[in-house]
Amino acid sequence: MSRSDPREELLAIERRRWPRLVELLDEVPTGRSQDPSLNPEGWSVRDAVWHLACWNDVVATQLESMRAGTFDEGFDWQQEENNARFLASGRAVAYETARVSLDDSRVRVVRAMEDLLEVTPRAIELFSEPAYKHIDDHLPEIRGFLRPSGDAAADSTSR
């Protein structure tokens, strides 16, 4: 990450990753969006979409609190607890609703990053998750779901 403008670099990375995710999600057949075969844990694509949307909202809330001067430096991801909570809450959500929530949460987290007055190392850490790290974690699963015969590698793009 360049020291000149880390915010713009992160936003540029996010702008490159987002279309990759959307393109894959657009390929998911409506009838398969809730198949519990995305990963060994039994997640569906809908579960992953809801999971990404929820984490975007967590990060947006933290960035917004930074801007307001109320950020708690002791913020802890509570990853396992939140993942379980998000999975449970998302099971009652339709795929189309999860997609809208993902789109909305993406707008919110990007706006929160753009609106920061100062981009601290902690802000960079927080925004890096939804900007690209988290998307990169789930892209291979979604590719594999869409192309179970092993041709996902032919479709993969370099980071």
C-alpha atoms as a PDB file:
ATOM      1  CA  MET A   1       0.000   0.000   0.000  1.00  0.00           C
ATOM      2  CA  SER A   2       1.449   3.320  -0.995  1.00  0.00           C
ATOM      3  CA  ARG A   3       1.793   5.957   1.680  1.00  0.00           C
ATOM      4  CA  SER A   4       0.525   8.637  -0.705  1.00  0.00           C
ATOM      5  CA  ASP A   5      -3.189   7.858  -0.591  1.00  0.00           C
ATOM      6  CA  PRO A   6      -4.151   4.515   0.962  1.00  0.00           C
ATOM      7  CA  ARG A   7      -7.862   5.364   0.836  1.00  0.00           C
ATOM      8  CA  GLU A   8      -7.837   5.730  -2.952  1.00  0.00           C
ATOM      9  CA  GLU A   9      -5.775   2.570  -3.353  1.00  0.00           C
ATOM     10  CA  LEU A  10      -8.210   0.578  -1.224  1.00  0.00           C
ATOM     11  CA  LEU A  11     -11.217   2.037  -3.001  1.00  0.00           C
ATOM     12  CA  ALA A  12      -9.625   1.135  -6.346  1.00  0.00           C
ATOM     13  CA  ILE A  13      -9.062  -2.448  -5.173  1.00  0.00           C
ATOM     14  CA  GLU A  14     -12.661  -2.634  -4.003  1.00  0.00           C
ATOM     15  CA  ARG A  15     -13.886  -1.306  -7.367  1.00  0.00           C
ATOM     16  CA  ARG A  16     -11.959  -4.079  -9.129  1.00  0.00           C
ATOM     17  CA  ARG A  17     -13.185  -6.871  -6.823  1.00  0.00           C
ATOM     18  CA  TRP A  18     -16.847  -5.918  -6.688  1.00  0.00           C
ATOM     19  CA  PRO A  19     -17.680  -6.624 -10.361  1.00  0.00           C
ATOM     20  CA  ARG A  20     -16.039 -10.063 -10.096  1.00  0.00           C
ATOM     21  CA  LEU A  21     -18.333 -10.934  -7.224  1.00  0.00           C
ATOM     22  CA  VAL A  22     -21.439  -9.524  -8.901  1.00  0.00           C
ATOM     23  CA  GLU A  23     -20.714 -11.382 -12.149  1.00  0.00           C
ATOM     24  CA  LEU A  24     -20.500 -14.688 -10.308  1.00  0.00           C
ATOM     25  CA  LEU A  25     -23.592 -14.020  -8.226  1.00  0.00           C
ATOM     26  CA  ASP A  26     -25.505 -13.156 -11.385  1.00  0.00           C
ATOM     27  CA  GLU A  27     -24.700 -16.646 -12.668  1.00  0.00           C
ATOM     28  CA  VAL A  28     -26.260 -18.420  -9.690  1.00  0.00           C
ATOM     29  CA  PRO A  29     -29.475 -20.118 -10.829  1.00  0.00           C
ATOM     30  CA  THR A  30     -32.366 -18.898  -8.703  1.00  0.00           C
ATOM     31  CA  GLY A  31     -33.345 -22.455  -7.850  1.00  0.00           C
ATOM     32  CA  ARG A  32     -29.871 -23.237  -6.500  1.00  0.00           C
ATOM     33  CA  SER A  33     -29.204 -20.127  -4.409  1.00  0.00           C
ATOM     34  CA  GLN A  34     -30.246 -21.926  -1.234  1.00  0.00           C
ATOM     35  CA  ASP A  35     -28.535 -25.272  -1.922  1.00  0.00           C
ATOM     36  CA  PRO A  36     -26.386 -26.040   1.140  1.00  0.00           C
ATOM     37  CA  SER A  37     -23.442 -27.068  -1.022  1.00  0.00           C
ATOM     38  CA  LEU A  38     -21.279 -23.945  -1.219  1.00  0.00           C
ATOM     39  CA  ASN A  39     -18.740 -25.215   1.300  1.00  0.00           C
ATOM     40  CA  PRO A  40     -18.154 -28.164   3.649  1.00  0.00           C
ATOM     41  CA  GLU A  41     -19.975 -26.306   6.428  1.00  0.00           C
ATOM     42  CA  GLY A  42     -23.224 -26.553   4.434  1.00  0.00           C
ATOM     43  CA  TRP A  43     -23.585 -22.900   3.468  1.00  0.00           C
ATOM     44  CA  SER A  44     -25.622 -21.821   0.473  1.00  0.00           C
ATOM     45  CA  VAL A  45     -24.794 -18.929  -1.835  1.00  0.00           C
ATOM     46  CA  ARG A  46     -27.572 -17.021  -0.083  1.00  0.00           C
ATOM     47  CA  ASP A  47     -25.804 -17.652   3.234  1.00  0.00           C
ATOM     48  CA  ALA A  48     -22.532 -16.279   1.868  1.00  0.00           C
ATOM     49  CA  VAL A  49     -24.221 -13.217   0.365  1.00  0.00           C
ATOM     50  CA  TRP A  50     -25.972 -12.445   3.664  1.00  0.00           C
ATOM     51  CA  HIS A  51     -22.706 -13.057   5.541  1.00  0.00           C
ATOM     52  CA  LEU A  52     -20.856 -10.566   3.315  1.00  0.00           C
ATOM     53  CA  ALA A  53     -23.632  -7.993   3.703  1.00  0.00           C
ATOM     54  CA  CYS A  54     -23.639  -8.317   7.480  1.00  0.00           C
ATOM     55  CA  TRP A  55     -19.861  -7.939   7.712  1.00  0.00           C
ATOM     56  CA  ASN A  56     -19.988  -4.899   5.438  1.00  0.00           C
ATOM     57  CA  ASP A  57     -22.462  -3.361   7.866  1.00  0.00           C
ATOM     58  CA  VAL A  58     -20.193  -4.144  10.839  1.00  0.00           C
ATOM     59  CA  VAL A  59     -17.270  -2.427   9.118  1.00  0.00           C
ATOM     60  CA  ALA A  60     -19.395   0.515   7.979  1.00  0.00           C
ATOM     61  CA  THR A  61     -20.562   1.032  11.561  1.00  0.00           C
ATOM     62  CA  GLN A  62     -16.975   1.027  12.807  1.00  0.00           C
ATOM     63  CA  LEU A  63     -15.797   3.471  10.123  1.00  0.00           C
ATOM     64  CA  GLU A  64     -18.767   5.732  10.812  1.00  0.00           C
ATOM     65  CA  SER A  65     -17.877   5.724  14.506  1.00  0.00           C
ATOM     66  CA  MET A  66     -14.308   6.699  13.587  1.00  0.00           C
ATOM     67  CA  ARG A  67     -15.613   9.681  11.682  1.00  0.00           C
ATOM     68  CA  ALA A  68     -17.840  10.645  14.606  1.00  0.00           C
ATOM     69  CA  GLY A  69     -14.969  10.284  17.069  1.00  0.00           C
ATOM     70  CA  THR A  70     -16.672   7.482  18.991  1.00  0.00           C
ATOM     71  CA  PHE A  71     -14.667   4.499  17.738  1.00  0.00           C
ATOM     72  CA  ASP A  72     -13.773   1.983  20.438  1.00  0.00           C
ATOM     73  CA  GLU A  73     -10.097   1.074  19.989  1.00  0.00           C
ATOM     74  CA  GLY A  74     -10.913  -2.193  21.730  1.00  0.00           C
ATOM     75  CA  PHE A  75     -13.188  -3.252  18.860  1.00  0.00           C
ATOM     76  CA  ASP A  76     -13.016  -7.005  18.423  1.00  0.00           C
ATOM     77  CA  TRP A  77     -14.276  -8.786  15.310  1.00  0.00           C
ATOM     78  CA  GLN A  78     -15.873 -11.564  17.405  1.00  0.00           C
ATOM     79  CA  GLN A  79     -15.657 -13.524  14.203  1.00  0.00           C
ATOM     80  CA  GLU A  80     -16.979 -16.904  15.324  1.00  0.00           C
ATOM     81  CA  GLU A  81     -19.907 -15.449  17.242  1.00  0.00           C
ATOM     82  CA  ASN A  82     -20.849 -13.055  14.458  1.00  0.00           C
ATOM     83  CA  ASN A  83     -20.487 -15.688  11.747  1.00  0.00           C
ATOM     84  CA  ALA A  84     -22.860 -17.983  13.646  1.00  0.00           C
ATOM     85  CA  ARG A  85     -25.318 -15.155  14.289  1.00  0.00           C
ATOM     86  CA  PHE A  86     -25.245 -13.992  10.661  1.00  0.00           C
ATOM     87  CA  LEU A  87     -25.711 -17.547   9.378  1.00  0.00           C
ATOM     88  CA  ALA A  88     -28.704 -18.111  11.646  1.00  0.00           C
ATOM     89  CA  SER A  89     -30.344 -14.790  10.804  1.00  0.00           C
ATOM     90  CA  GLY A  90     -29.765 -15.227   7.080  1.00  0.00           C
ATOM     91  CA  ARG A  91     -31.519 -18.579   6.877  1.00  0.00           C
ATOM     92  CA  ALA A  92     -34.881 -16.772   6.933  1.00  0.00           C
ATOM     93  CA  VAL A  93     -33.878 -14.307   4.199  1.00  0.00           C
ATOM     94  CA  ALA A  94     -34.702 -14.777   0.523  1.00  0.00           C
ATOM     95  CA  TYR A  95     -31.763 -14.741  -1.893  1.00  0.00           C
ATOM     96  CA  GLU A  96     -33.075 -11.622  -3.625  1.00  0.00           C
ATOM     97  CA  THR A  97     -33.271  -9.828  -0.269  1.00  0.00           C
ATOM     98  CA  ALA A  98     -29.741 -10.910   0.582  1.00  0.00           C
ATOM     99  CA  ARG A  99     -28.519  -9.543  -2.765  1.00  0.00           C
ATOM    100  CA  VAL A 100     -30.199  -6.175  -2.147  1.00  0.00           C
ATOM    101  CA  SER A 101     -28.693  -6.102   1.351  1.00  0.00           C
ATOM    102  CA  LEU A 102     -25.259  -6.841  -0.081  1.00  0.00           C
ATOM    103  CA  ASP A 103     -25.582  -4.035  -2.623  1.00  0.00           C
ATOM    104  CA  ASP A 104     -26.806  -1.601   0.035  1.00  0.00           C
ATOM    105  CA  SER A 105     -24.104  -2.584   2.513  1.00  0.00           C
ATOM    106  CA  ARG A 106     -21.453  -2.172  -0.147  1.00  0.00           C
ATOM    107  CA  VAL A 107     -22.626   1.388  -0.822  1.00  0.00           C
ATOM    108  CA  ARG A 108     -22.640   2.102   2.908  1.00  0.00           C
ATOM    109  CA  VAL A 109     -19.134   0.757   3.626  1.00  0.00           C
ATOM    110  CA  VAL A 110     -17.602   2.503   0.605  1.00  0.00           C
ATOM    111  CA  ARG A 111     -19.268   5.770   1.586  1.00  0.00           C
ATOM    112  CA  ALA A 112     -18.032   5.370   5.164  1.00  0.00           C
ATOM    113  CA  MET A 113     -14.470   4.978   3.900  1.00  0.00           C
ATOM    114  CA  GLU A 114     -14.798   7.924   1.528  1.00  0.00           C
ATOM    115  CA  ASP A 115     -16.170  10.107   4.321  1.00  0.00           C
ATOM    116  CA  LEU A 116     -13.386   9.479   6.839  1.00  0.00           C
ATOM    117  CA  LEU A 117     -11.538  12.640   7.734  1.00  0.00           C
ATOM    118  CA  GLU A 118      -8.364  10.718   8.553  1.00  0.00           C
ATOM    119  CA  VAL A 119      -7.404   7.295   7.261  1.00  0.00           C
ATOM    120  CA  THR A 120      -5.650   5.589  10.149  1.00  0.00           C
ATOM    121  CA  PRO A 121      -3.958   2.186  10.058  1.00  0.00           C
ATOM    122  CA  ARG A 122      -6.990   0.776  11.891  1.00  0.00           C
ATOM    123  CA  ALA A 123      -9.328   2.209   9.232  1.00  0.00           C
ATOM    124  CA  ILE A 124      -7.182   0.591   6.560  1.00  0.00           C
ATOM    125  CA  GLU A 125      -7.353  -2.724   8.418  1.00  0.00           C
ATOM    126  CA  LEU A 126     -11.122  -2.488   8.792  1.00  0.00           C
ATOM    127  CA  PHE A 127     -11.874  -1.465   5.215  1.00  0.00           C
ATOM    128  CA  SER A 128      -9.495  -4.034   3.733  1.00  0.00           C
ATOM    129  CA  GLU A 129     -11.842  -6.798   4.860  1.00  0.00           C
ATOM    130  CA  PRO A 130     -14.916  -5.865   2.794  1.00  0.00           C
ATOM    131  CA  ALA A 131     -12.863  -4.118   0.113  1.00  0.00           C
ATOM    132  CA  TYR A 132     -11.099  -7.237  -1.031  1.00  0.00           C
ATOM    133  CA  LYS A 133      -9.935  -9.743   1.585  1.00  0.00           C
ATOM    134  CA  HIS A 134     -13.393 -11.043   2.393  1.00  0.00           C
ATOM    135  CA  ILE A 135     -14.468 -11.127  -1.234  1.00  0.00           C
ATOM    136  CA  ASP A 136     -11.284 -12.998  -2.101  1.00  0.00           C
ATOM    137  CA  ASP A 137     -12.095 -15.520   0.641  1.00  0.00           C
ATOM    138  CA  HIS A 138     -15.460 -16.379  -0.915  1.00  0.00           C
ATOM    139  CA  LEU A 139     -14.875 -16.036  -4.680  1.00  0.00           C
ATOM    140  CA  PRO A 140     -13.303 -19.523  -5.005  1.00  0.00           C
ATOM    141  CA  GLU A 141     -16.261 -21.114  -3.191  1.00  0.00           C
ATOM    142  CA  ILE A 142     -18.754 -19.434  -5.488  1.00  0.00           C
ATOM    143  CA  ARG A 143     -16.733 -20.363  -8.580  1.00  0.00           C
ATOM    144  CA  GLY A 144     -16.571 -23.949  -7.372  1.00  0.00           C
ATOM    145  CA  PHE A 145     -20.306 -23.973  -6.728  1.00  0.00           C
ATOM    146  CA  LEU A 146     -20.999 -22.756 -10.267  1.00  0.00           C
ATOM    147  CA  ARG A 147     -18.404 -25.003 -11.913  1.00  0.00           C
ATOM    148  CA  PRO A 148     -18.227 -28.180  -9.824  1.00  0.00           C
ATOM    149  CA  SER A 149     -16.580 -30.159 -12.625  1.00  0.00           C
ATOM    150  CA  GLY A 150     -13.262 -28.482 -11.887  1.00  0.00           C
ATOM    151  CA  ASP A 151     -13.309 -25.847 -14.603  1.00  0.00           C
ATOM    152  CA  ALA A 152     -13.327 -23.045 -11.996  1.00  0.00           C
ATOM    153  CA  ALA A 153      -9.568 -22.725 -12.435  1.00  0.00           C
ATOM    154  CA  ALA A 154     -10.072 -21.759 -16.058  1.00  0.00           C
ATOM    155  CA  ASP A 155     -12.301 -18.929 -14.927  1.00  0.00           C
ATOM    156  CA  SER A 156     -10.123 -17.665 -12.084  1.00  0.00           C
ATOM    157  CA  THR A 157      -8.530 -14.293 -12.416  1.00  0.00           C
ATOM    158  CA  SER A 158      -5.409 -13.108 -10.707  1.00  0.00           C
ATOM    159  CA  ARG A 159      -5.701 -10.854  -7.729  1.00  0.00           C
END
